[in-house]
N, C-alpha and C. Protein backbone atom coordinates (compact mmCIF):
# COMPACT_ATOMS: atom_id res chain seq x y z
N MET A 1 0.85 -1.18 0.00
CA MET A 1 0.00 0.00 0.00
C MET A 1 0.89 1.24 0.00
N THR A 2 0.51 2.22 -0.75
CA THR A 2 1.26 3.48 -0.77
C THR A 2 0.36 4.62 -0.34
N HIS A 3 0.98 5.65 0.18
CA HIS A 3 0.27 6.88 0.58
C HIS A 3 0.87 8.03 -0.20
N ARG A 4 0.05 8.92 -0.70
CA ARG A 4 0.52 10.16 -1.30
C ARG A 4 0.46 11.22 -0.20
N LEU A 5 1.63 11.72 0.17
CA LEU A 5 1.74 12.66 1.28
C LEU A 5 2.35 13.97 0.80
N THR A 6 2.18 15.00 1.59
CA THR A 6 2.71 16.33 1.28
C THR A 6 4.14 16.45 1.79
N ALA A 7 4.99 17.06 0.98
CA ALA A 7 6.35 17.38 1.40
C ALA A 7 6.56 18.88 1.22
N ILE A 8 6.84 19.57 2.31
CA ILE A 8 7.14 21.00 2.26
C ILE A 8 8.65 21.13 2.48
N VAL A 9 9.33 21.72 1.51
CA VAL A 9 10.78 21.86 1.60
C VAL A 9 11.10 23.34 1.72
N GLU A 10 11.90 23.67 2.72
CA GLU A 10 12.23 25.07 2.99
C GLU A 10 13.74 25.21 3.21
N ARG A 11 14.29 26.26 2.64
CA ARG A 11 15.71 26.53 2.85
C ARG A 11 15.91 26.94 4.30
N GLU A 12 16.94 26.39 4.91
CA GLU A 12 17.29 26.74 6.28
C GLU A 12 18.81 26.79 6.38
N GLY A 13 19.34 27.98 6.49
CA GLY A 13 20.80 28.13 6.53
C GLY A 13 21.42 27.68 5.23
N ASP A 14 22.39 26.78 5.32
CA ASP A 14 23.09 26.26 4.14
C ASP A 14 22.41 25.04 3.54
N GLY A 15 21.31 24.58 4.11
CA GLY A 15 20.66 23.37 3.62
C GLY A 15 19.16 23.55 3.49
N TYR A 16 18.47 22.42 3.48
CA TYR A 16 17.02 22.40 3.30
C TYR A 16 16.40 21.46 4.33
N VAL A 17 15.22 21.84 4.80
CA VAL A 17 14.43 21.02 5.72
C VAL A 17 13.17 20.60 4.98
N ALA A 18 12.84 19.33 5.06
CA ALA A 18 11.63 18.80 4.43
C ALA A 18 10.70 18.30 5.53
N LEU A 19 9.43 18.69 5.44
CA LEU A 19 8.43 18.33 6.44
C LEU A 19 7.23 17.69 5.77
N CYS A 20 6.73 16.63 6.36
CA CYS A 20 5.47 16.02 5.95
C CYS A 20 4.45 16.36 7.03
N PRO A 21 3.55 17.34 6.77
CA PRO A 21 2.63 17.79 7.82
C PRO A 21 1.58 16.75 8.21
N GLU A 22 1.25 15.83 7.32
CA GLU A 22 0.22 14.84 7.66
C GLU A 22 0.60 13.98 8.85
N VAL A 23 1.89 13.65 8.97
CA VAL A 23 2.33 12.79 10.08
C VAL A 23 3.38 13.46 10.96
N ASP A 24 3.69 14.74 10.69
CA ASP A 24 4.64 15.52 11.47
C ASP A 24 6.00 14.83 11.54
N VAL A 25 6.51 14.45 10.36
CA VAL A 25 7.85 13.86 10.23
C VAL A 25 8.67 14.81 9.38
N ALA A 26 9.92 15.04 9.80
CA ALA A 26 10.80 15.96 9.07
C ALA A 26 12.17 15.33 8.87
N SER A 27 12.89 15.87 7.89
CA SER A 27 14.27 15.49 7.64
C SER A 27 14.97 16.67 7.02
N GLN A 28 16.22 16.49 6.64
CA GLN A 28 16.98 17.59 6.06
C GLN A 28 17.99 17.07 5.07
N GLY A 29 18.58 17.99 4.31
CA GLY A 29 19.62 17.64 3.36
C GLY A 29 20.31 18.87 2.83
N ASP A 30 21.39 18.67 2.11
CA ASP A 30 22.15 19.79 1.56
C ASP A 30 21.49 20.39 0.32
N THR A 31 20.64 19.62 -0.36
CA THR A 31 19.92 20.08 -1.54
C THR A 31 18.44 19.74 -1.38
N VAL A 32 17.61 20.32 -2.23
CA VAL A 32 16.18 19.99 -2.20
C VAL A 32 15.98 18.50 -2.44
N ALA A 33 16.67 17.97 -3.43
CA ALA A 33 16.54 16.55 -3.76
C ALA A 33 16.97 15.66 -2.60
N GLU A 34 18.05 16.02 -1.94
CA GLU A 34 18.54 15.22 -0.81
C GLU A 34 17.56 15.31 0.37
N ALA A 35 17.04 16.50 0.65
CA ALA A 35 16.07 16.65 1.73
C ALA A 35 14.82 15.83 1.45
N ARG A 36 14.37 15.84 0.20
CA ARG A 36 13.19 15.07 -0.19
C ARG A 36 13.45 13.57 -0.06
N ALA A 37 14.61 13.12 -0.52
CA ALA A 37 14.96 11.70 -0.40
C ALA A 37 15.08 11.28 1.05
N ASN A 38 15.69 12.13 1.88
CA ASN A 38 15.81 11.82 3.31
C ASN A 38 14.46 11.79 3.99
N LEU A 39 13.54 12.66 3.56
CA LEU A 39 12.18 12.64 4.11
C LEU A 39 11.48 11.35 3.73
N THR A 40 11.64 10.92 2.49
CA THR A 40 11.04 9.65 2.05
C THR A 40 11.55 8.50 2.90
N GLU A 41 12.85 8.49 3.17
CA GLU A 41 13.43 7.44 4.02
C GLU A 41 12.87 7.51 5.44
N ALA A 42 12.78 8.73 6.00
CA ALA A 42 12.24 8.89 7.35
C ALA A 42 10.78 8.45 7.42
N LEU A 43 10.01 8.76 6.39
CA LEU A 43 8.60 8.34 6.35
C LEU A 43 8.48 6.83 6.25
N THR A 44 9.32 6.22 5.43
CA THR A 44 9.31 4.76 5.31
C THR A 44 9.58 4.12 6.66
N LEU A 45 10.59 4.61 7.36
CA LEU A 45 10.90 4.08 8.69
C LEU A 45 9.75 4.32 9.67
N PHE A 46 9.14 5.50 9.59
CA PHE A 46 8.00 5.79 10.46
C PHE A 46 6.88 4.78 10.25
N PHE A 47 6.51 4.55 8.99
CA PHE A 47 5.41 3.63 8.70
C PHE A 47 5.76 2.19 9.05
N GLU A 48 7.03 1.84 9.00
CA GLU A 48 7.45 0.48 9.37
C GLU A 48 7.38 0.25 10.87
N THR A 49 7.54 1.32 11.66
CA THR A 49 7.66 1.13 13.12
C THR A 49 6.49 1.67 13.93
N ALA A 50 5.66 2.53 13.37
CA ALA A 50 4.56 3.14 14.13
C ALA A 50 3.47 2.11 14.43
N SER A 51 2.91 2.24 15.60
CA SER A 51 1.80 1.37 15.99
C SER A 51 0.53 1.80 15.24
N ALA A 52 -0.45 0.95 15.23
CA ALA A 52 -1.73 1.27 14.58
C ALA A 52 -2.37 2.50 15.23
N GLU A 53 -2.23 2.61 16.56
CA GLU A 53 -2.78 3.76 17.27
C GLU A 53 -2.08 5.06 16.86
N GLU A 54 -0.76 4.99 16.71
CA GLU A 54 0.00 6.17 16.29
C GLU A 54 -0.38 6.58 14.88
N LEU A 55 -0.54 5.62 13.99
CA LEU A 55 -0.95 5.92 12.62
C LEU A 55 -2.32 6.56 12.60
N ASP A 56 -3.26 6.02 13.36
CA ASP A 56 -4.61 6.59 13.42
C ASP A 56 -4.57 8.02 13.95
N ARG A 57 -3.77 8.25 14.99
CA ARG A 57 -3.67 9.58 15.60
C ARG A 57 -3.10 10.59 14.62
N ARG A 58 -2.04 10.21 13.92
CA ARG A 58 -1.37 11.17 13.04
C ARG A 58 -2.08 11.35 11.69
N LEU A 59 -2.71 10.29 11.20
CA LEU A 59 -3.38 10.38 9.90
C LEU A 59 -4.85 10.74 10.01
N GLY A 60 -5.35 10.92 11.22
CA GLY A 60 -6.77 11.15 11.42
C GLY A 60 -7.27 12.54 11.09
N GLY A 61 -6.38 13.53 11.09
CA GLY A 61 -6.82 14.90 10.86
C GLY A 61 -6.78 15.28 9.40
N GLU A 62 -7.31 16.45 9.12
CA GLU A 62 -7.28 16.98 7.76
C GLU A 62 -6.19 18.03 7.66
N ILE A 63 -5.48 18.01 6.55
CA ILE A 63 -4.41 18.97 6.28
C ILE A 63 -4.77 19.70 5.00
N TYR A 64 -4.71 21.01 5.04
CA TYR A 64 -4.97 21.82 3.86
C TYR A 64 -3.71 22.63 3.55
N VAL A 65 -3.22 22.54 2.34
CA VAL A 65 -2.08 23.34 1.91
C VAL A 65 -2.61 24.33 0.89
N THR A 66 -2.43 25.60 1.18
CA THR A 66 -2.93 26.66 0.31
C THR A 66 -2.00 27.85 0.41
N GLN A 67 -2.28 28.88 -0.35
CA GLN A 67 -1.52 30.10 -0.26
C GLN A 67 -2.46 31.26 0.07
N VAL A 68 -1.93 32.27 0.72
CA VAL A 68 -2.69 33.47 1.03
C VAL A 68 -1.86 34.69 0.61
N GLU A 69 -2.54 35.79 0.36
CA GLU A 69 -1.86 37.04 0.03
C GLU A 69 -2.01 37.99 1.22
N VAL A 70 -0.90 38.63 1.57
CA VAL A 70 -0.88 39.54 2.71
C VAL A 70 -0.14 40.81 2.29
N ALA A 71 -0.73 41.94 2.56
CA ALA A 71 -0.06 43.21 2.29
C ALA A 71 1.06 43.40 3.28
N VAL A 72 2.23 43.76 2.80
CA VAL A 72 3.39 43.95 3.66
C VAL A 72 3.88 45.38 3.46
N GLY A 73 4.05 46.07 4.57
CA GLY A 73 4.63 47.40 4.51
C GLY A 73 3.67 48.46 4.47
């Protein structure tokens, strides 16, 4: 079984941080591709080791990813 999950990648200092908000798992890397690959590995390990209760708790909510416009200045 596969899950399609969200990956948010953000520059942080000299590298990148990747976050999956659906299950609150994060990883990092020196490039966007590396951060994404490391997040995939972290998610795989999470799904291999998480209990059914943990999966239900983390996957039970709704996540919305959208953009907003805000006047600045």
